[in-house]
Amino acid sequence: MPSYTLFFLLGLLLPLVASAARHATGPLTGGWQPIENLKDPQVRQIAEYAVAEYNKQTKTDLKLSSVVKGESQVVAGTNYKLVLSVKNGPVTKYEAIVWDKPWQHFRNLTSFKPV
């Protein structure tokens, strides 16, 4: 095949590939995406884990009220960044980050701090 034919075909295909990449759906690896359904049972389970793990580490007794906001990040598993409304007396908000790899039955509380 002559080289000019190859360049012609590449000239036709590259814009199509670039366009498809721009319109690809699904989470971007490494990018934080908003969680649409904060009432999803998986999100609730991650939030309950975060509060329970924080309580275990700090010997406190916080109670989860609700998930106020959430984002997820696809990594080697999924990071969940959740803003949680918790109570132990007055209601306060915390940001929790949990790394989850369900296929390995692995979950880790990375961060839990007041916001």
PDB file of N, CA and C in Angstrom:
ATOM      1  N   MET A   1       0.859  -1.172   0.000  1.00  0.00           N
ATOM      2  CA  MET A   1       0.000   0.000   0.000  1.00  0.00           C
ATOM      3  C   MET A   1       0.903   1.233   0.000  1.00  0.00           C
ATOM      4  N   PRO A   2       0.697   2.147  -0.891  1.00  0.00           N
ATOM      5  CA  PRO A   2       1.527   3.362  -0.928  1.00  0.00           C
ATOM      6  C   PRO A   2       1.338   4.176   0.356  1.00  0.00           C
ATOM      7  N   SER A   3       2.385   4.872   0.738  1.00  0.00           N
ATOM      8  CA  SER A   3       2.371   5.619   2.003  1.00  0.00           C
ATOM      9  C   SER A   3       1.311   6.719   2.000  1.00  0.00           C
ATOM     10  N   TYR A   4       1.017   7.332   0.866  1.00  0.00           N
ATOM     11  CA  TYR A   4      -0.005   8.385   0.846  1.00  0.00           C
ATOM     12  C   TYR A   4      -1.386   7.809   1.147  1.00  0.00           C
ATOM     13  N   THR A   5      -1.645   6.565   0.779  1.00  0.00           N
ATOM     14  CA  THR A   5      -2.921   5.927   1.091  1.00  0.00           C
ATOM     15  C   THR A   5      -3.034   5.709   2.608  1.00  0.00           C
ATOM     16  N   LEU A   6      -1.934   5.292   3.207  1.00  0.00           N
ATOM     17  CA  LEU A   6      -1.914   5.089   4.653  1.00  0.00           C
ATOM     18  C   LEU A   6      -2.186   6.404   5.390  1.00  0.00           C
ATOM     19  N   PHE A   7      -1.549   7.487   4.945  1.00  0.00           N
ATOM     20  CA  PHE A   7      -1.786   8.792   5.575  1.00  0.00           C
ATOM     21  C   PHE A   7      -3.223   9.246   5.375  1.00  0.00           C
ATOM     22  N   PHE A   8      -3.787   8.961   4.209  1.00  0.00           N
ATOM     23  CA  PHE A   8      -5.173   9.312   3.931  1.00  0.00           C
ATOM     24  C   PHE A   8      -6.108   8.584   4.897  1.00  0.00           C
ATOM     25  N   LEU A   9      -5.881   7.270   5.081  1.00  0.00           N
ATOM     26  CA  LEU A   9      -6.720   6.481   5.994  1.00  0.00           C
ATOM     27  C   LEU A   9      -6.573   6.955   7.443  1.00  0.00           C
ATOM     28  N   LEU A  10      -5.346   7.250   7.840  1.00  0.00           N
ATOM     29  CA  LEU A  10      -5.134   7.781   9.198  1.00  0.00           C
ATOM     30  C   LEU A  10      -5.852   9.112   9.379  1.00  0.00           C
ATOM     31  N   GLY A  11      -5.827   9.932   8.343  1.00  0.00           N
ATOM     32  CA  GLY A  11      -6.519  11.218   8.393  1.00  0.00           C
ATOM     33  C   GLY A  11      -8.016  11.064   8.569  1.00  0.00           C
ATOM     34  N   LEU A  12      -8.568   9.981   8.042  1.00  0.00           N
ATOM     35  CA  LEU A  12      -9.995   9.717   8.216  1.00  0.00           C
ATOM     36  C   LEU A  12     -10.312   9.107   9.574  1.00  0.00           C
ATOM     37  N   LEU A  13      -9.447   8.223  10.052  1.00  0.00           N
ATOM     38  CA  LEU A  13      -9.733   7.480  11.283  1.00  0.00           C
ATOM     39  C   LEU A  13      -9.451   8.268  12.565  1.00  0.00           C
ATOM     40  N   LEU A  14      -8.414   9.063  12.599  1.00  0.00           N
ATOM     41  CA  LEU A  14      -8.053   9.775  13.831  1.00  0.00           C
ATOM     42  C   LEU A  14      -9.165  10.685  14.348  1.00  0.00           C
ATOM     43  N   PRO A  15      -9.832  11.481  13.504  1.00  0.00           N
ATOM     44  CA  PRO A  15     -10.933  12.298  14.034  1.00  0.00           C
ATOM     45  C   PRO A  15     -12.073  11.446  14.600  1.00  0.00           C
ATOM     46  N   LEU A  16     -12.329  10.288  14.004  1.00  0.00           N
ATOM     47  CA  LEU A  16     -13.381   9.412  14.514  1.00  0.00           C
ATOM     48  C   LEU A  16     -13.024   8.862  15.891  1.00  0.00           C
ATOM     49  N   VAL A  17     -11.787   8.441  16.063  1.00  0.00           N
ATOM     50  CA  VAL A  17     -11.332   7.915  17.349  1.00  0.00           C
ATOM     51  C   VAL A  17     -11.376   9.017  18.404  1.00  0.00           C
ATOM     52  N   ALA A  18     -10.919  10.200  18.062  1.00  0.00           N
ATOM     53  CA  ALA A  18     -10.939  11.318  19.013  1.00  0.00           C
ATOM     54  C   ALA A  18     -12.361  11.667  19.411  1.00  0.00           C
ATOM     55  N   SER A  19     -13.270  11.657  18.456  1.00  0.00           N
ATOM     56  CA  SER A  19     -14.670  11.952  18.752  1.00  0.00           C
ATOM     57  C   SER A  19     -15.274  10.900  19.665  1.00  0.00           C
ATOM     58  N   ALA A  20     -14.987   9.638  19.408  1.00  0.00           N
ATOM     59  CA  ALA A  20     -15.506   8.558  20.247  1.00  0.00           C
ATOM     60  C   ALA A  20     -14.969   8.674  21.666  1.00  0.00           C
ATOM     61  N   ALA A  21     -13.718   9.045  21.808  1.00  0.00           N
ATOM     62  CA  ALA A  21     -13.130   9.191  23.143  1.00  0.00           C
ATOM     63  C   ALA A  21     -13.800  10.318  23.916  1.00  0.00           C
ATOM     64  N   ARG A  22     -14.154  11.401  23.231  1.00  0.00           N
ATOM     65  CA  ARG A  22     -14.820  12.519  23.908  1.00  0.00           C
ATOM     66  C   ARG A  22     -16.208  12.138  24.376  1.00  0.00           C
ATOM     67  N   HIS A  23     -16.873  11.224  23.679  1.00  0.00           N
ATOM     68  CA  HIS A  23     -18.241  10.866  23.999  1.00  0.00           C
ATOM     69  C   HIS A  23     -18.351   9.554  24.761  1.00  0.00           C
ATOM     70  N   ALA A  24     -17.228   9.013  25.205  1.00  0.00           N
ATOM     71  CA  ALA A  24     -17.259   7.752  25.952  1.00  0.00           C
ATOM     72  C   ALA A  24     -18.002   7.964  27.264  1.00  0.00           C
ATOM     73  N   THR A  25     -18.755   6.957  27.674  1.00  0.00           N
ATOM     74  CA  THR A  25     -19.482   7.049  28.929  1.00  0.00           C
ATOM     75  C   THR A  25     -18.787   6.206  29.970  1.00  0.00           C
ATOM     76  N   GLY A  26     -19.193   6.389  31.215  1.00  0.00           N
ATOM     77  CA  GLY A  26     -18.612   5.631  32.313  1.00  0.00           C
ATOM     78  C   GLY A  26     -17.609   6.475  33.056  1.00  0.00           C
ATOM     79  N   PRO A  27     -17.206   6.002  34.235  1.00  0.00           N
ATOM     80  CA  PRO A  27     -16.286   6.779  35.052  1.00  0.00           C
ATOM     81  C   PRO A  27     -14.893   6.832  34.445  1.00  0.00           C
ATOM     82  N   LEU A  28     -14.251   7.963  34.614  1.00  0.00           N
ATOM     83  CA  LEU A  28     -12.885   8.121  34.175  1.00  0.00           C
ATOM     84  C   LEU A  28     -11.964   7.593  35.269  1.00  0.00           C
ATOM     85  N   THR A  29     -10.998   6.804  34.889  1.00  0.00           N
ATOM     86  CA  THR A  29     -10.044   6.305  35.866  1.00  0.00           C
ATOM     87  C   THR A  29      -9.290   7.493  36.446  1.00  0.00           C
ATOM     88  N   GLY A  30      -9.284   7.592  37.756  1.00  0.00           N
ATOM     89  CA  GLY A  30      -8.565   8.662  38.432  1.00  0.00           C
ATOM     90  C   GLY A  30      -9.365   9.930  38.649  1.00  0.00           C
ATOM     91  N   GLY A  31     -10.473  10.126  37.946  1.00  0.00           N
ATOM     92  CA  GLY A  31     -11.255  11.342  38.103  1.00  0.00           C
ATOM     93  C   GLY A  31     -12.397  11.156  39.091  1.00  0.00           C
ATOM     94  N   TRP A  32     -12.667  12.155  39.917  1.00  0.00           N
ATOM     95  CA  TRP A  32     -13.789  12.100  40.860  1.00  0.00           C
ATOM     96  C   TRP A  32     -15.081  12.380  40.116  1.00  0.00           C
ATOM     97  N   GLN A  33     -16.082  11.539  40.333  1.00  0.00           N
ATOM     98  CA  GLN A  33     -17.393  11.680  39.707  1.00  0.00           C
ATOM     99  C   GLN A  33     -18.449  11.804  40.805  1.00  0.00           C
ATOM    100  N   PRO A  34     -19.426  12.699  40.656  1.00  0.00           N
ATOM    101  CA  PRO A  34     -20.475  12.806  41.680  1.00  0.00           C
ATOM    102  C   PRO A  34     -21.286  11.511  41.758  1.00  0.00           C
ATOM    103  N   ILE A  35     -21.693  11.159  42.956  1.00  0.00           N
ATOM    104  CA  ILE A  35     -22.574  10.010  43.154  1.00  0.00           C
ATOM    105  C   ILE A  35     -23.999  10.525  43.026  1.00  0.00           C
ATOM    106  N   GLU A  36     -24.719   9.999  42.054  1.00  0.00           N
ATOM    107  CA  GLU A  36     -26.070  10.475  41.762  1.00  0.00           C
ATOM    108  C   GLU A  36     -27.077  10.056  42.837  1.00  0.00           C
ATOM    109  N   ASN A  37     -27.016   8.806  43.269  1.00  0.00           N
ATOM    110  CA  ASN A  37     -28.005   8.281  44.212  1.00  0.00           C
ATOM    111  C   ASN A  37     -27.356   8.049  45.572  1.00  0.00           C
ATOM    112  N   LEU A  38     -27.483   9.034  46.457  1.00  0.00           N
ATOM    113  CA  LEU A  38     -26.883   8.924  47.787  1.00  0.00           C
ATOM    114  C   LEU A  38     -27.598   7.909  48.671  1.00  0.00           C
ATOM    115  N   LYS A  39     -28.784   7.460  48.253  1.00  0.00           N
ATOM    116  CA  LYS A  39     -29.532   6.461  49.014  1.00  0.00           C
ATOM    117  C   LYS A  39     -29.249   5.035  48.540  1.00  0.00           C
ATOM    118  N   ASP A  40     -28.354   4.896  47.575  1.00  0.00           N
ATOM    119  CA  ASP A  40     -27.968   3.572  47.082  1.00  0.00           C
ATOM    120  C   ASP A  40     -27.451   2.727  48.254  1.00  0.00           C
ATOM    121  N   PRO A  41     -27.892   1.476  48.365  1.00  0.00           N
ATOM    122  CA  PRO A  41     -27.457   0.628  49.489  1.00  0.00           C
ATOM    123  C   PRO A  41     -25.930   0.491  49.589  1.00  0.00           C
ATOM    124  N   GLN A  42     -25.223   0.478  48.458  1.00  0.00           N
ATOM    125  CA  GLN A  42     -23.756   0.393  48.495  1.00  0.00           C
ATOM    126  C   GLN A  42     -23.165   1.645  49.138  1.00  0.00           C
ATOM    127  N   VAL A  43     -23.695   2.810  48.808  1.00  0.00           N
ATOM    128  CA  VAL A  43     -23.207   4.066  49.377  1.00  0.00           C
ATOM    129  C   VAL A  43     -23.486   4.076  50.885  1.00  0.00           C
ATOM    130  N   ARG A  44     -24.673   3.658  51.282  1.00  0.00           N
ATOM    131  CA  ARG A  44     -25.029   3.602  52.700  1.00  0.00           C
ATOM    132  C   ARG A  44     -24.098   2.647  53.452  1.00  0.00           C
ATOM    133  N   GLN A  45     -23.801   1.505  52.838  1.00  0.00           N
ATOM    134  CA  GLN A  45     -22.914   0.525  53.466  1.00  0.00           C
ATOM    135  C   GLN A  45     -21.503   1.101  53.660  1.00  0.00           C
ATOM    136  N   ILE A  46     -21.006   1.823  52.659  1.00  0.00           N
ATOM    137  CA  ILE A  46     -19.688   2.463  52.763  1.00  0.00           C
ATOM    138  C   ILE A  46     -19.710   3.508  53.873  1.00  0.00           C
ATOM    139  N   ALA A  47     -20.775   4.294  53.962  1.00  0.00           N
ATOM    140  CA  ALA A  47     -20.901   5.324  55.002  1.00  0.00           C
ATOM    141  C   ALA A  47     -20.942   4.694  56.391  1.00  0.00           C
ATOM    142  N   GLU A  48     -21.715   3.624  56.545  1.00  0.00           N
ATOM    143  CA  GLU A  48     -21.786   2.941  57.846  1.00  0.00           C
ATOM    144  C   GLU A  48     -20.440   2.346  58.230  1.00  0.00           C
ATOM    145  N   TYR A  49     -19.737   1.787  57.250  1.00  0.00           N
ATOM    146  CA  TYR A  49     -18.394   1.263  57.507  1.00  0.00           C
ATOM    147  C   TYR A  49     -17.475   2.385  58.001  1.00  0.00           C
ATOM    148  N   ALA A  50     -17.515   3.553  57.327  1.00  0.00           N
ATOM    149  CA  ALA A  50     -16.637   4.668  57.699  1.00  0.00           C
ATOM    150  C   ALA A  50     -16.868   5.093  59.146  1.00  0.00           C
ATOM    151  N   VAL A  51     -18.129   5.228  59.535  1.00  0.00           N
ATOM    152  CA  VAL A  51     -18.439   5.652  60.912  1.00  0.00           C
ATOM    153  C   VAL A  51     -18.018   4.567  61.909  1.00  0.00           C
ATOM    154  N   ALA A  52     -18.318   3.316  61.610  1.00  0.00           N
ATOM    155  CA  ALA A  52     -17.957   2.217  62.512  1.00  0.00           C
ATOM    156  C   ALA A  52     -16.442   2.102  62.676  1.00  0.00           C
ATOM    157  N   GLU A  53     -15.720   2.234  61.576  1.00  0.00           N
ATOM    158  CA  GLU A  53     -14.257   2.142  61.634  1.00  0.00           C
ATOM    159  C   GLU A  53     -13.672   3.319  62.407  1.00  0.00           C
ATOM    160  N   TYR A  54     -14.204   4.515  62.183  1.00  0.00           N
ATOM    161  CA  TYR A  54     -13.745   5.685  62.940  1.00  0.00           C
ATOM    162  C   TYR A  54     -14.020   5.496  64.426  1.00  0.00           C
ATOM    163  N   ASN A  55     -15.210   5.001  64.761  1.00  0.00           N
ATOM    164  CA  ASN A  55     -15.542   4.744  66.158  1.00  0.00           C
ATOM    165  C   ASN A  55     -14.574   3.738  66.775  1.00  0.00           C
ATOM    166  N   LYS A  56     -14.236   2.706  66.042  1.00  0.00           N
ATOM    167  CA  LYS A  56     -13.315   1.679  66.548  1.00  0.00           C
ATOM    168  C   LYS A  56     -11.920   2.260  66.776  1.00  0.00           C
ATOM    169  N   GLN A  57     -11.457   3.083  65.841  1.00  0.00           N
ATOM    170  CA  GLN A  57     -10.111   3.653  65.931  1.00  0.00           C
ATOM    171  C   GLN A  57      -9.997   4.701  67.030  1.00  0.00           C
ATOM    172  N   THR A  58     -11.072   5.449  67.277  1.00  0.00           N
ATOM    173  CA  THR A  58     -10.996   6.579  68.215  1.00  0.00           C
ATOM    174  C   THR A  58     -11.760   6.341  69.516  1.00  0.00           C
ATOM    175  N   LYS A  59     -12.393   5.170  69.627  1.00  0.00           N
ATOM    176  CA  LYS A  59     -13.199   4.825  70.807  1.00  0.00           C
ATOM    177  C   LYS A  59     -14.279   5.873  71.075  1.00  0.00           C
ATOM    178  N   THR A  60     -14.942   6.291  69.988  1.00  0.00           N
ATOM    179  CA  THR A  60     -16.066   7.231  70.085  1.00  0.00           C
ATOM    180  C   THR A  60     -17.351   6.477  69.754  1.00  0.00           C
ATOM    181  N   ASP A  61     -18.472   7.188  69.769  1.00  0.00           N
ATOM    182  CA  ASP A  61     -19.766   6.554  69.513  1.00  0.00           C
ATOM    183  C   ASP A  61     -20.615   7.420  68.584  1.00  0.00           C
ATOM    184  N   LEU A  62     -20.055   7.763  67.420  1.00  0.00           N
ATOM    185  CA  LEU A  62     -20.818   8.543  66.454  1.00  0.00           C
ATOM    186  C   LEU A  62     -21.892   7.660  65.824  1.00  0.00           C
ATOM    187  N   LYS A  63     -23.006   8.282  65.456  1.00  0.00           N
ATOM    188  CA  LYS A  63     -24.107   7.591  64.780  1.00  0.00           C
ATOM    189  C   LYS A  63     -24.339   8.270  63.435  1.00  0.00           C
ATOM    190  N   LEU A  64     -24.425   7.483  62.373  1.00  0.00           N
ATOM    191  CA  LEU A  64     -24.678   8.018  61.042  1.00  0.00           C
ATOM    192  C   LEU A  64     -26.119   8.494  60.936  1.00  0.00           C
ATOM    193  N   SER A  65     -26.304   9.745  60.516  1.00  0.00           N
ATOM    194  CA  SER A  65     -27.642  10.272  60.246  1.00  0.00           C
ATOM    195  C   SER A  65     -27.968  10.140  58.766  1.00  0.00           C
ATOM    196  N   SER A  66     -27.082  10.681  57.911  1.00  0.00           N
ATOM    197  CA  SER A  66     -27.340  10.628  56.472  1.00  0.00           C
ATOM    198  C   SER A  66     -26.062  10.893  55.697  1.00  0.00           C
ATOM    199  N   VAL A  67     -26.119  10.555  54.406  1.00  0.00           N
ATOM    200  CA  VAL A  67     -25.053  10.906  53.471  1.00  0.00           C
ATOM    201  C   VAL A  67     -25.503  12.183  52.788  1.00  0.00           C
ATOM    202  N   VAL A  68     -24.742  13.253  52.969  1.00  0.00           N
ATOM    203  CA  VAL A  68     -25.104  14.570  52.459  1.00  0.00           C
ATOM    204  C   VAL A  68     -24.639  14.775  51.018  1.00  0.00           C
ATOM    205  N   LYS A  69     -23.455  14.249  50.704  1.00  0.00           N
ATOM    206  CA  LYS A  69     -22.836  14.467  49.397  1.00  0.00           C
ATOM    207  C   LYS A  69     -21.862  13.327  49.167  1.00  0.00           C
ATOM    208  N   GLY A  70     -21.618  12.998  47.906  1.00  0.00           N
ATOM    209  CA  GLY A  70     -20.663  11.934  47.640  1.00  0.00           C
ATOM    210  C   GLY A  70     -20.054  11.994  46.265  1.00  0.00           C
ATOM    211  N   GLU A  71     -18.826  11.509  46.187  1.00  0.00           N
ATOM    212  CA  GLU A  71     -18.115  11.369  44.926  1.00  0.00           C
ATOM    213  C   GLU A  71     -17.405  10.026  44.950  1.00  0.00           C
ATOM    214  N   SER A  72     -17.171   9.482  43.772  1.00  0.00           N
ATOM    215  CA  SER A  72     -16.403   8.248  43.677  1.00  0.00           C
ATOM    216  C   SER A  72     -15.279   8.440  42.676  1.00  0.00           C
ATOM    217  N   GLN A  73     -14.228   7.645  42.858  1.00  0.00           N
ATOM    218  CA  GLN A  73     -13.039   7.724  42.019  1.00  0.00           C
ATOM    219  C   GLN A  73     -12.600   6.291  41.720  1.00  0.00           C
ATOM    220  N   VAL A  74     -12.515   5.956  40.439  1.00  0.00           N
ATOM    221  CA  VAL A  74     -12.074   4.623  40.051  1.00  0.00           C
ATOM    222  C   VAL A  74     -10.554   4.583  40.093  1.00  0.00           C
ATOM    223  N   VAL A  75     -10.034   3.687  40.908  1.00  0.00           N
ATOM    224  CA  VAL A  75      -8.589   3.464  41.034  1.00  0.00           C
ATOM    225  C   VAL A  75      -8.414   1.950  40.941  1.00  0.00           C
ATOM    226  N   ALA A  76      -7.510   1.372  41.704  1.00  0.00           N
ATOM    227  CA  ALA A  76      -7.441  -0.090  41.815  1.00  0.00           C
ATOM    228  C   ALA A  76      -8.536  -0.463  42.817  1.00  0.00           C
ATOM    229  N   GLY A  77      -9.759  -0.338  42.384  1.00  0.00           N
ATOM    230  CA  GLY A  77     -10.939  -0.417  43.243  1.00  0.00           C
ATOM    231  C   GLY A  77     -11.664   0.909  43.100  1.00  0.00           C
ATOM    232  N   THR A  78     -12.357   1.322  44.145  1.00  0.00           N
ATOM    233  CA  THR A  78     -13.073   2.594  44.118  1.00  0.00           C
ATOM    234  C   THR A  78     -12.821   3.347  45.412  1.00  0.00           C
ATOM    235  N   ASN A  79     -12.490   4.625  45.288  1.00  0.00           N
ATOM    236  CA  ASN A  79     -12.461   5.519  46.441  1.00  0.00           C
ATOM    237  C   ASN A  79     -13.823   6.194  46.519  1.00  0.00           C
ATOM    238  N   TYR A  80     -14.356   6.249  47.718  1.00  0.00           N
ATOM    239  CA  TYR A  80     -15.600   6.982  47.968  1.00  0.00           C
ATOM    240  C   TYR A  80     -15.270   8.147  48.876  1.00  0.00           C
ATOM    241  N   LYS A  81     -15.618   9.364  48.440  1.00  0.00           N
ATOM    242  CA  LYS A  81     -15.473  10.561  49.278  1.00  0.00           C
ATOM    243  C   LYS A  81     -16.887  11.000  49.632  1.00  0.00           C
ATOM    244  N   LEU A  82     -17.240  10.824  50.908  1.00  0.00           N
ATOM    245  CA  LEU A  82     -18.608  11.087  51.350  1.00  0.00           C
ATOM    246  C   LEU A  82     -18.623  12.163  52.425  1.00  0.00           C
ATOM    247  N   VAL A  83     -19.573  13.080  52.330  1.00  0.00           N
ATOM    248  CA  VAL A  83     -19.836  14.012  53.425  1.00  0.00           C
ATOM    249  C   VAL A  83     -20.994  13.407  54.204  1.00  0.00           C
ATOM    250  N   LEU A  84     -20.734  13.135  55.483  1.00  0.00           N
ATOM    251  CA  LEU A  84     -21.691  12.440  56.336  1.00  0.00           C
ATOM    252  C   LEU A  84     -22.202  13.350  57.429  1.00  0.00           C
ATOM    253  N   SER A  85     -23.491  13.272  57.671  1.00  0.00           N
ATOM    254  CA  SER A  85     -24.085  13.928  58.825  1.00  0.00           C
ATOM    255  C   SER A  85     -24.127  12.870  59.925  1.00  0.00           C
ATOM    256  N   VAL A  86     -23.440  13.155  61.035  1.00  0.00           N
ATOM    257  CA  VAL A  86     -23.378  12.201  62.144  1.00  0.00           C
ATOM    258  C   VAL A  86     -23.787  12.891  63.428  1.00  0.00           C
ATOM    259  N   LYS A  87     -24.149  12.096  64.428  1.00  0.00           N
ATOM    260  CA  LYS A  87     -24.505  12.704  65.711  1.00  0.00           C
ATOM    261  C   LYS A  87     -23.906  11.910  66.865  1.00  0.00           C
ATOM    262  N   ASN A  88     -23.566  12.644  67.854  1.00  0.00           N
ATOM    263  CA  ASN A  88     -23.135  12.170  69.153  1.00  0.00           C
ATOM    264  C   ASN A  88     -23.348  13.390  70.036  1.00  0.00           C
ATOM    265  N   GLY A  89     -24.601  13.671  70.288  1.00  0.00           N
ATOM    266  CA  GLY A  89     -24.990  14.963  70.836  1.00  0.00           C
ATOM    267  C   GLY A  89     -25.400  15.805  69.650  1.00  0.00           C
ATOM    268  N   PRO A  90     -24.724  16.944  69.420  1.00  0.00           N
ATOM    269  CA  PRO A  90     -25.097  17.771  68.264  1.00  0.00           C
ATOM    270  C   PRO A  90     -24.713  17.088  66.951  1.00  0.00           C
ATOM    271  N   VAL A  91     -25.506  17.354  65.917  1.00  0.00           N
ATOM    272  CA  VAL A  91     -25.225  16.799  64.593  1.00  0.00           C
ATOM    273  C   VAL A  91     -24.059  17.568  63.988  1.00  0.00           C
ATOM    274  N   THR A  92     -23.093  16.850  63.485  1.00  0.00           N
ATOM    275  CA  THR A  92     -21.952  17.469  62.818  1.00  0.00           C
ATOM    276  C   THR A  92     -21.705  16.748  61.502  1.00  0.00           C
ATOM    277  N   LYS A  93     -20.879  17.357  60.666  1.00  0.00           N
ATOM    278  CA  LYS A  93     -20.569  16.770  59.364  1.00  0.00           C
ATOM    279  C   LYS A  93     -19.093  16.385  59.307  1.00  0.00           C
ATOM    280  N   TYR A  94     -18.855  15.254  58.691  1.00  0.00           N
ATOM    281  CA  TYR A  94     -17.509  14.750  58.481  1.00  0.00           C
ATOM    282  C   TYR A  94     -17.347  14.369  57.020  1.00  0.00           C
ATOM    283  N   GLU A  95     -16.116  14.479  56.528  1.00  0.00           N
ATOM    284  CA  GLU A  95     -15.790  13.944  55.215  1.00  0.00           C
ATOM    285  C   GLU A  95     -15.016  12.657  55.443  1.00  0.00           C
ATOM    286  N   ALA A  96     -15.521  11.584  54.855  1.00  0.00           N
ATOM    287  CA  ALA A  96     -14.870  10.279  54.966  1.00  0.00           C
ATOM    288  C   ALA A  96     -14.414   9.849  53.586  1.00  0.00           C
ATOM    289  N   ILE A  97     -13.227   9.267  53.520  1.00  0.00           N
ATOM    290  CA  ILE A  97     -12.749   8.656  52.282  1.00  0.00           C
ATOM    291  C   ILE A  97     -12.502   7.181  52.570  1.00  0.00           C
ATOM    292  N   VAL A  98     -13.145   6.332  51.775  1.00  0.00           N
ATOM    293  CA  VAL A  98     -13.035   4.885  51.939  1.00  0.00           C
ATOM    294  C   VAL A  98     -12.576   4.289  50.620  1.00  0.00           C
ATOM    295  N   TRP A  99     -11.566   3.426  50.701  1.00  0.00           N
ATOM    296  CA  TRP A  99     -11.078   2.698  49.539  1.00  0.00           C
ATOM    297  C   TRP A  99     -11.696   1.313  49.576  1.00  0.00           C
ATOM    298  N   ASP A 100     -12.371   0.930  48.516  1.00  0.00           N
ATOM    299  CA  ASP A 100     -13.121  -0.326  48.478  1.00  0.00           C
ATOM    300  C   ASP A 100     -12.684  -1.173  47.284  1.00  0.00           C
ATOM    301  N   LYS A 101     -12.378  -2.453  47.556  1.00  0.00           N
ATOM    302  CA  LYS A 101     -12.092  -3.440  46.511  1.00  0.00           C
ATOM    303  C   LYS A 101     -12.934  -4.673  46.828  1.00  0.00           C
ATOM    304  N   PRO A 102     -14.203  -4.680  46.408  1.00  0.00           N
ATOM    305  CA  PRO A 102     -15.112  -5.750  46.818  1.00  0.00           C
ATOM    306  C   PRO A 102     -14.689  -7.144  46.363  1.00  0.00           C
ATOM    307  N   TRP A 103     -14.026  -7.264  45.228  1.00  0.00           N
ATOM    308  CA  TRP A 103     -13.620  -8.587  44.749  1.00  0.00           C
ATOM    309  C   TRP A 103     -12.540  -9.205  45.633  1.00  0.00           C
ATOM    310  N   GLN A 104     -11.881  -8.377  46.452  1.00  0.00           N
ATOM    311  CA  GLN A 104     -10.875  -8.878  47.393  1.00  0.00           C
ATOM    312  C   GLN A 104     -11.380  -8.828  48.837  1.00  0.00           C
ATOM    313  N   HIS A 105     -12.643  -8.437  49.006  1.00  0.00           N
ATOM    314  CA  HIS A 105     -13.217  -8.253  50.342  1.00  0.00           C
ATOM    315  C   HIS A 105     -12.330  -7.315  51.171  1.00  0.00           C
ATOM    316  N   PHE A 106     -11.910  -6.213  50.532  1.00  0.00           N
ATOM    317  CA  PHE A 106     -11.017  -5.235  51.147  1.00  0.00           C
ATOM    318  C   PHE A 106     -11.713  -3.896  51.212  1.00  0.00           C
ATOM    319  N   ARG A 107     -11.616  -3.276  52.368  1.00  0.00           N
ATOM    320  CA  ARG A 107     -12.165  -1.936  52.562  1.00  0.00           C
ATOM    321  C   ARG A 107     -11.270  -1.235  53.578  1.00  0.00           C
ATOM    322  N   ASN A 108     -10.948   0.045  53.322  1.00  0.00           N
ATOM    323  CA  ASN A 108     -10.046   0.769  54.207  1.00  0.00           C
ATOM    324  C   ASN A 108     -10.509   2.219  54.362  1.00  0.00           C
ATOM    325  N   LEU A 109     -10.607   2.668  55.612  1.00  0.00           N
ATOM    326  CA  LEU A 109     -10.913   4.075  55.895  1.00  0.00           C
ATOM    327  C   LEU A 109      -9.628   4.861  55.749  1.00  0.00           C
ATOM    328  N   THR A 110      -9.564   5.686  54.727  1.00  0.00           N
ATOM    329  CA  THR A 110      -8.360   6.461  54.423  1.00  0.00           C
ATOM    330  C   THR A 110      -8.330   7.771  55.200  1.00  0.00           C
ATOM    331  N   SER A 111      -9.496   8.384  55.364  1.00  0.00           N
ATOM    332  CA  SER A 111      -9.573   9.702  56.019  1.00  0.00           C
ATOM    333  C   SER A 111     -10.955   9.878  56.623  1.00  0.00           C
ATOM    334  N   PHE A 112     -11.003  10.569  57.757  1.00  0.00           N
ATOM    335  CA  PHE A 112     -12.278  10.903  58.407  1.00  0.00           C
ATOM    336  C   PHE A 112     -12.033  12.189  59.184  1.00  0.00           C
ATOM    337  N   LYS A 113     -12.564  13.294  58.681  1.00  0.00           N
ATOM    338  CA  LYS A 113     -12.274  14.580  59.324  1.00  0.00           C
ATOM    339  C   LYS A 113     -13.510  15.477  59.311  1.00  0.00           C
ATOM    340  N   PRO A 114     -13.625  16.345  60.295  1.00  0.00           N
ATOM    341  CA  PRO A 114     -14.777  17.272  60.325  1.00  0.00           C
ATOM    342  C   PRO A 114     -14.700  18.263  59.162  1.00  0.00           C
ATOM    343  N   VAL A 115     -15.890  18.648  58.696  1.00  0.00           N
ATOM    344  CA  VAL A 115     -15.949  19.688  57.638  1.00  0.00           C
ATOM    345  C   VAL A 115     -16.818  20.827  58.108  1.00  0.00           C
TER     346      VAL A 115
END
